[in-house]
Amino acid sequence: MPTMPLSRRAFLAATGGVLLAAACGGSGGGGGSGGQKLSALLLASDLYASPDPQRIAFALADGGEFASGPRAKLAFGAQGASLGRPVDTVLHARGLPKRRGIYTADVTLPRAGAYLGVVQVAGQGDASLAFQVQPTAKAPVPGQAAPRTASPTLADPMGVDPICTRNPPCPLHEVSLDTVTGAGKPVAVLLATPARCESRYCGPVLDDLLTLVDRYRDRVTVVHVEIYKNLTDSDLVPTVEAWGIQTEPWLFGVDPTGNVVARLDGAFGHDEQQQLLQELVS
């Protein structure tokens, strides 16, 4: 599976610039405060051509401020083609900061290329959403084997310092992924860096995941992996490169045999994290 270095600048452009996009009057027809337009920012970063539905996620901003809350529909189509029928999206707000909830929908993207979409927001007009669909996914998708790769632990940090940038550090660094993947117990893998996350979603999703750990502790092994080796350099933790991710945060669900069964990226609410964990034990 191909991998690419994760550029903090590229990630900011892809998922962290929601306020900048709104402040610059991102495309859309809604009337925001101060004359700004409603903006939609894509959070899903690894969309790929497939006959199977996949999760697409986006955030809303209005006048330079995050603006989740109103109902939204999404219509989209390949560039040059007509937009399809609008589909309902689901707002996920629990576990995320106020007004920074995200919208998701399960969509089918049959071919690679550029797509154009319109987010229709009740009472606030429309916002455009352009995105690229790749021929194949870069990160593991459901049905594929999870990488059998080591991850930093307290006993062997693999040169990663700090091993957890959450304050205080989380307790999800006790076992290495290569020892638990495919070992007969489901695994949930969160790849996120709270202290350096450009989108500022990594800390909230990790905090929220920790509220679920005790409930699933005996049935699911939960592991957190930082993105960078330290607080200043751009060197990636080898585990991140092995998983092929190019943005953050990501949450993968891996079944007892070592196959990926679910994945979430960009940002995810409490209900999505709980659903992923529940799927692993059902």
Foldseek 3Di string as FASTA:
>chain_A
DAFDFADLVVQCVQFQCQLVCQCVQAAWDFQAPPRHAKAKGWQDDWAAADQFWDKTKIWIDGNSGTAPDFWKWKWKDAPPDDTDDTDGWDWFDALFDPSGTMTMDTDHHHHWAKMKMWIQTPPGGIYIDIDTHHHDTQFADFPAFADLDWAAAPVRRVLAPPQAQDVVRDPQRHGTSNVQAQQQAKEKEKEEHCVSASNNQRRSVVVLVVVCCVVCVVGYRYHYGYFARYDPDSHGGVSCRSRRDRHDIKMWIAENRRGTHDMDTRHDHNVVSVVSSVVRRD
